[in-house]
């Protein structure tokens, strides 16, 4: 499963999503309803830095 990483500008942290994945709580990650999950910058692919990420605002 390919992860898409972004920077949550509300919380100031790296987040990721897995498009098409259905989570344990039943939520499906889609482009219309993305499920952003927190992660650490150390999880970014090689050669990608926090400065390279697009900014998103993750809702509560």
PDB file of N, CA and C in Angstrom:
ATOM      1  N   UNK A   1       0.845  -1.187   0.000  1.00  0.00           N
ATOM      2  CA  UNK A   1       0.000   0.000   0.000  1.00  0.00           C
ATOM      3  C   UNK A   1       0.887   1.246   0.000  1.00  0.00           C
ATOM      4  N   UNK A   2       0.604   2.126  -0.912  1.00  0.00           N
ATOM      5  CA  UNK A   2       1.379   3.356  -1.003  1.00  0.00           C
ATOM      6  C   UNK A   2       0.787   4.420  -0.082  1.00  0.00           C
ATOM      7  N   UNK A   3       1.651   5.011   0.680  1.00  0.00           N
ATOM      8  CA  UNK A   3       1.244   6.098   1.579  1.00  0.00           C
ATOM      9  C   UNK A   3       1.461   7.431   0.887  1.00  0.00           C
ATOM     10  N   UNK A   4       0.562   8.359   1.153  1.00  0.00           N
ATOM     11  CA  UNK A   4       0.709   9.734   0.691  1.00  0.00           C
ATOM     12  C   UNK A   4       0.972  10.572   1.937  1.00  0.00           C
ATOM     13  N   UNK A   5       2.089  11.265   1.939  1.00  0.00           N
ATOM     14  CA  UNK A   5       2.484  12.067   3.094  1.00  0.00           C
ATOM     15  C   UNK A   5       2.144  13.528   2.865  1.00  0.00           C
ATOM     16  N   UNK A   6       1.907  14.237   3.977  1.00  0.00           N
ATOM     17  CA  UNK A   6       1.621  15.673   3.928  1.00  0.00           C
ATOM     18  C   UNK A   6       2.014  16.273   5.278  1.00  0.00           C
ATOM     19  N   UNK A   7       1.942  17.597   5.346  1.00  0.00           N
ATOM     20  CA  UNK A   7       2.231  18.327   6.582  1.00  0.00           C
ATOM     21  C   UNK A   7       0.921  18.897   7.108  1.00  0.00           C
ATOM     22  N   UNK A   8       0.539  18.497   8.320  1.00  0.00           N
ATOM     23  CA  UNK A   8      -0.668  19.022   8.966  1.00  0.00           C
ATOM     24  C   UNK A   8      -0.319  20.378   9.560  1.00  0.00           C
ATOM     25  N   UNK A   9      -0.775  21.444   8.904  1.00  0.00           N
ATOM     26  CA  UNK A   9      -0.418  22.781   9.374  1.00  0.00           C
ATOM     27  C   UNK A   9      -1.170  23.188  10.634  1.00  0.00           C
ATOM     28  N   UNK A  10      -2.203  22.462  11.002  1.00  0.00           N
ATOM     29  CA  UNK A  10      -2.929  22.758  12.245  1.00  0.00           C
ATOM     30  C   UNK A  10      -2.143  22.258  13.456  1.00  0.00           C
ATOM     31  N   UNK A  11      -1.604  21.044  13.355  1.00  0.00           N
ATOM     32  CA  UNK A  11      -0.894  20.442  14.489  1.00  0.00           C
ATOM     33  C   UNK A  11       0.625  20.496  14.352  1.00  0.00           C
ATOM     34  N   UNK A  12       1.107  20.885  13.173  1.00  0.00           N
ATOM     35  CA  UNK A  12       2.542  20.974  12.966  1.00  0.00           C
ATOM     36  C   UNK A  12       3.230  19.621  12.998  1.00  0.00           C
ATOM     37  N   UNK A  13       2.673  18.657  12.240  1.00  0.00           N
ATOM     38  CA  UNK A  13       3.268  17.321  12.208  1.00  0.00           C
ATOM     39  C   UNK A  13       3.054  16.662  10.862  1.00  0.00           C
ATOM     40  N   UNK A  14       3.843  15.626  10.618  1.00  0.00           N
ATOM     41  CA  UNK A  14       3.721  14.844   9.392  1.00  0.00           C
ATOM     42  C   UNK A  14       2.521  13.902   9.552  1.00  0.00           C
ATOM     43  N   UNK A  15       1.733  13.788   8.479  1.00  0.00           N
ATOM     44  CA  UNK A  15       0.602  12.866   8.442  1.00  0.00           C
ATOM     45  C   UNK A  15       0.663  12.076   7.142  1.00  0.00           C
ATOM     46  N   UNK A  16      -0.066  10.968   7.105  1.00  0.00           N
ATOM     47  CA  UNK A  16      -0.125  10.178   5.878  1.00  0.00           C
ATOM     48  C   UNK A  16      -1.515   9.598   5.714  1.00  0.00           C
ATOM     49  N   UNK A  17      -1.804   9.152   4.502  1.00  0.00           N
ATOM     50  CA  UNK A  17      -3.057   8.464   4.206  1.00  0.00           C
ATOM     51  C   UNK A  17      -2.767   7.335   3.240  1.00  0.00           C
ATOM     52  N   UNK A  18      -3.685   6.371   3.202  1.00  0.00           N
ATOM     53  CA  UNK A  18      -3.568   5.231   2.298  1.00  0.00           C
ATOM     54  C   UNK A  18      -4.846   5.185   1.467  1.00  0.00           C
ATOM     55  N   UNK A  19      -4.848   5.809   0.280  1.00  0.00           N
ATOM     56  CA  UNK A  19      -6.062   5.860  -0.535  1.00  0.00           C
ATOM     57  C   UNK A  19      -6.638   4.460  -0.805  1.00  0.00           C
ATOM     58  N   UNK A  20      -7.943   4.342  -0.633  1.00  0.00           N
ATOM     59  CA  UNK A  20      -8.639   3.086  -0.892  1.00  0.00           C
ATOM     60  C   UNK A  20      -8.645   2.131   0.284  1.00  0.00           C
ATOM     61  N   UNK A  21      -7.915   2.446   1.335  1.00  0.00           N
ATOM     62  CA  UNK A  21      -7.829   1.569   2.500  1.00  0.00           C
ATOM     63  C   UNK A  21      -9.045   1.767   3.413  1.00  0.00           C
ATOM     64  N   UNK A  22      -9.611   0.660   3.893  1.00  0.00           N
ATOM     65  CA  UNK A  22     -10.690   0.729   4.875  1.00  0.00           C
ATOM     66  C   UNK A  22     -10.072   0.462   6.243  1.00  0.00           C
ATOM     67  N   UNK A  23     -10.254   1.404   7.159  1.00  0.00           N
ATOM     68  CA  UNK A  23      -9.674   1.322   8.492  1.00  0.00           C
ATOM     69  C   UNK A  23     -10.549   0.476   9.414  1.00  0.00           C
ATOM     70  N   UNK A  24      -9.992   0.091  10.552  1.00  0.00           N
ATOM     71  CA  UNK A  24     -10.701  -0.763  11.513  1.00  0.00           C
ATOM     72  C   UNK A  24     -12.022  -0.165  11.978  1.00  0.00           C
ATOM     73  N   UNK A  25     -12.108   1.154  11.997  1.00  0.00           N
ATOM     74  CA  UNK A  25     -13.342   1.814  12.428  1.00  0.00           C
ATOM     75  C   UNK A  25     -14.378   1.910  11.298  1.00  0.00           C
ATOM     76  N   UNK A  26     -14.066   1.332  10.137  1.00  0.00           N
ATOM     77  CA  UNK A  26     -14.996   1.313   9.012  1.00  0.00           C
ATOM     78  C   UNK A  26     -14.871   2.470   8.048  1.00  0.00           C
ATOM     79  N   UNK A  27     -14.056   3.471   8.374  1.00  0.00           N
ATOM     80  CA  UNK A  27     -13.878   4.608   7.467  1.00  0.00           C
ATOM     81  C   UNK A  27     -13.008   4.214   6.292  1.00  0.00           C
ATOM     82  N   UNK A  28     -13.449   4.566   5.104  1.00  0.00           N
ATOM     83  CA  UNK A  28     -12.653   4.310   3.905  1.00  0.00           C
ATOM     84  C   UNK A  28     -11.964   5.597   3.489  1.00  0.00           C
ATOM     85  N   UNK A  29     -10.688   5.502   3.215  1.00  0.00           N
ATOM     86  CA  UNK A  29      -9.906   6.644   2.776  1.00  0.00           C
ATOM     87  C   UNK A  29     -10.152   6.858   1.289  1.00  0.00           C
ATOM     88  N   UNK A  30     -10.711   8.007   0.956  1.00  0.00           N
ATOM     89  CA  UNK A  30     -10.963   8.347  -0.443  1.00  0.00           C
ATOM     90  C   UNK A  30     -10.519   9.786  -0.679  1.00  0.00           C
ATOM     91  N   UNK A  31     -10.429  10.174  -1.940  1.00  0.00           N
ATOM     92  CA  UNK A  31     -10.036  11.547  -2.257  1.00  0.00           C
ATOM     93  C   UNK A  31     -11.057  12.549  -1.728  1.00  0.00           C
ATOM     94  N   UNK A  32     -12.320  12.149  -1.667  1.00  0.00           N
ATOM     95  CA  UNK A  32     -13.359  13.050  -1.159  1.00  0.00           C
ATOM     96  C   UNK A  32     -13.396  13.089   0.366  1.00  0.00           C
ATOM     97  N   UNK A  33     -12.925  12.026   0.995  1.00  0.00           N
ATOM     98  CA  UNK A  33     -12.928  11.938   2.454  1.00  0.00           C
ATOM     99  C   UNK A  33     -11.629  11.280   2.926  1.00  0.00           C
ATOM    100  N   UNK A  34     -10.520  12.023   2.859  1.00  0.00           N
ATOM    101  CA  UNK A  34      -9.238  11.436   3.240  1.00  0.00           C
ATOM    102  C   UNK A  34      -9.158  11.175   4.745  1.00  0.00           C
ATOM    103  N   UNK A  35      -8.479  10.106   5.108  1.00  0.00           N
ATOM    104  CA  UNK A  35      -8.243   9.769   6.512  1.00  0.00           C
ATOM    105  C   UNK A  35      -6.754   9.987   6.769  1.00  0.00           C
ATOM    106  N   UNK A  36      -6.412  11.112   7.394  1.00  0.00           N
ATOM    107  CA  UNK A  36      -5.023  11.441   7.671  1.00  0.00           C
ATOM    108  C   UNK A  36      -4.639  10.895   9.032  1.00  0.00           C
ATOM    109  N   UNK A  37      -3.500  10.212   9.090  1.00  0.00           N
ATOM    110  CA  UNK A  37      -3.000   9.612  10.314  1.00  0.00           C
ATOM    111  C   UNK A  37      -1.654  10.235  10.661  1.00  0.00           C
ATOM    112  N   UNK A  38      -1.407  10.513  11.946  1.00  0.00           N
ATOM    113  CA  UNK A  38      -0.120  11.108  12.324  1.00  0.00           C
ATOM    114  C   UNK A  38       1.019  10.102  12.188  1.00  0.00           C
ATOM    115  N   UNK A  39       2.188  10.609  11.876  1.00  0.00           N
ATOM    116  CA  UNK A  39       3.392   9.778  11.810  1.00  0.00           C
ATOM    117  C   UNK A  39       4.590  10.660  12.118  1.00  0.00           C
ATOM    118  N   UNK A  40       5.744  10.086  12.126  1.00  0.00           N
ATOM    119  CA  UNK A  40       6.982  10.796  12.413  1.00  0.00           C
ATOM    120  C   UNK A  40       7.713  11.088  11.102  1.00  0.00           C
ATOM    121  N   UNK A  41       8.457  12.158  11.082  1.00  0.00           N
ATOM    122  CA  UNK A  41       9.202  12.523   9.876  1.00  0.00           C
ATOM    123  C   UNK A  41      10.199  11.438   9.475  1.00  0.00           C
ATOM    124  N   UNK A  42      10.611  10.590  10.410  1.00  0.00           N
ATOM    125  CA  UNK A  42      11.548   9.514  10.084  1.00  0.00           C
ATOM    126  C   UNK A  42      10.926   8.460   9.168  1.00  0.00           C
ATOM    127  N   UNK A  43       9.592   8.472   9.028  1.00  0.00           N
ATOM    128  CA  UNK A  43       8.883   7.523   8.167  1.00  0.00           C
ATOM    129  C   UNK A  43       8.824   7.974   6.705  1.00  0.00           C
ATOM    130  N   UNK A  44       9.259   9.202   6.429  1.00  0.00           N
ATOM    131  CA  UNK A  44       9.233   9.711   5.054  1.00  0.00           C
ATOM    132  C   UNK A  44      10.159   8.884   4.166  1.00  0.00           C
ATOM    133  N   UNK A  45       9.794   8.713   2.899  1.00  0.00           N
ATOM    134  CA  UNK A  45      10.666   7.979   1.971  1.00  0.00           C
ATOM    135  C   UNK A  45      12.027   8.668   1.839  1.00  0.00           C
ATOM    136  N   UNK A  46      13.020   7.881   1.488  1.00  0.00           N
ATOM    137  CA  UNK A  46      14.365   8.422   1.315  1.00  0.00           C
ATOM    138  C   UNK A  46      14.343   9.539   0.277  1.00  0.00           C
ATOM    139  N   UNK A  47      14.998  10.632   0.608  1.00  0.00           N
ATOM    140  CA  UNK A  47      15.088  11.756  -0.314  1.00  0.00           C
ATOM    141  C   UNK A  47      13.946  12.753  -0.188  1.00  0.00           C
ATOM    142  N   UNK A  48      12.974  12.473   0.672  1.00  0.00           N
ATOM    143  CA  UNK A  48      11.844  13.388   0.869  1.00  0.00           C
ATOM    144  C   UNK A  48      11.986  14.035   2.239  1.00  0.00           C
ATOM    145  N   UNK A  49      11.865  15.355   2.278  1.00  0.00           N
ATOM    146  CA  UNK A  49      11.951  16.068   3.554  1.00  0.00           C
ATOM    147  C   UNK A  49      10.611  16.722   3.866  1.00  0.00           C
ATOM    148  N   UNK A  50      10.484  17.194   5.072  1.00  0.00           N
ATOM    149  CA  UNK A  50       9.262  17.872   5.504  1.00  0.00           C
ATOM    150  C   UNK A  50       8.972  19.061   4.595  1.00  0.00           C
ATOM    151  N   UNK A  51      10.013  19.757   4.153  1.00  0.00           N
ATOM    152  CA  UNK A  51       9.830  20.927   3.279  1.00  0.00           C
ATOM    153  C   UNK A  51       9.225  20.563   1.928  1.00  0.00           C
ATOM    154  N   UNK A  52       9.330  19.306   1.519  1.00  0.00           N
ATOM    155  CA  UNK A  52       8.787  18.859   0.234  1.00  0.00           C
ATOM    156  C   UNK A  52       7.290  18.561   0.296  1.00  0.00           C
ATOM    157  N   UNK A  53       6.737  18.429   1.490  1.00  0.00           N
ATOM    158  CA  UNK A  53       5.350  17.988   1.655  1.00  0.00           C
ATOM    159  C   UNK A  53       4.356  19.098   1.380  1.00  0.00           C
ATOM    160  N   UNK A  54       3.204  18.720   0.832  1.00  0.00           N
ATOM    161  CA  UNK A  54       2.124  19.709   0.682  1.00  0.00           C
ATOM    162  C   UNK A  54       1.475  19.901   2.042  1.00  0.00           C
ATOM    163  N   UNK A  55       0.864  21.047   2.220  1.00  0.00           N
ATOM    164  CA  UNK A  55       0.221  21.365   3.491  1.00  0.00           C
ATOM    165  C   UNK A  55      -1.258  20.989   3.430  1.00  0.00           C
ATOM    166  N   UNK A  56      -1.751  20.374   4.512  1.00  0.00           N
ATOM    167  CA  UNK A  56      -3.151  20.048   4.655  1.00  0.00           C
ATOM    168  C   UNK A  56      -3.588  20.483   6.043  1.00  0.00           C
ATOM    169  N   UNK A  57      -4.876  20.692   6.209  1.00  0.00           N
ATOM    170  CA  UNK A  57      -5.421  20.992   7.535  1.00  0.00           C
ATOM    171  C   UNK A  57      -6.317  19.812   7.900  1.00  0.00           C
ATOM    172  N   UNK A  58      -5.859  19.039   8.882  1.00  0.00           N
ATOM    173  CA  UNK A  58      -6.588  17.852   9.305  1.00  0.00           C
ATOM    174  C   UNK A  58      -7.659  18.277  10.298  1.00  0.00           C
ATOM    175  N   UNK A  59      -8.901  17.939   9.959  1.00  0.00           N
ATOM    176  CA  UNK A  59     -10.018  18.261  10.846  1.00  0.00           C
ATOM    177  C   UNK A  59     -10.022  17.312  12.042  1.00  0.00           C
ATOM    178  N   UNK A  60     -10.582  17.765  13.121  1.00  0.00           N
ATOM    179  CA  UNK A  60     -10.679  16.940  14.340  1.00  0.00           C
ATOM    180  C   UNK A  60     -11.531  15.735  14.102  1.00  0.00           C
TER     181      UNK A  60
END
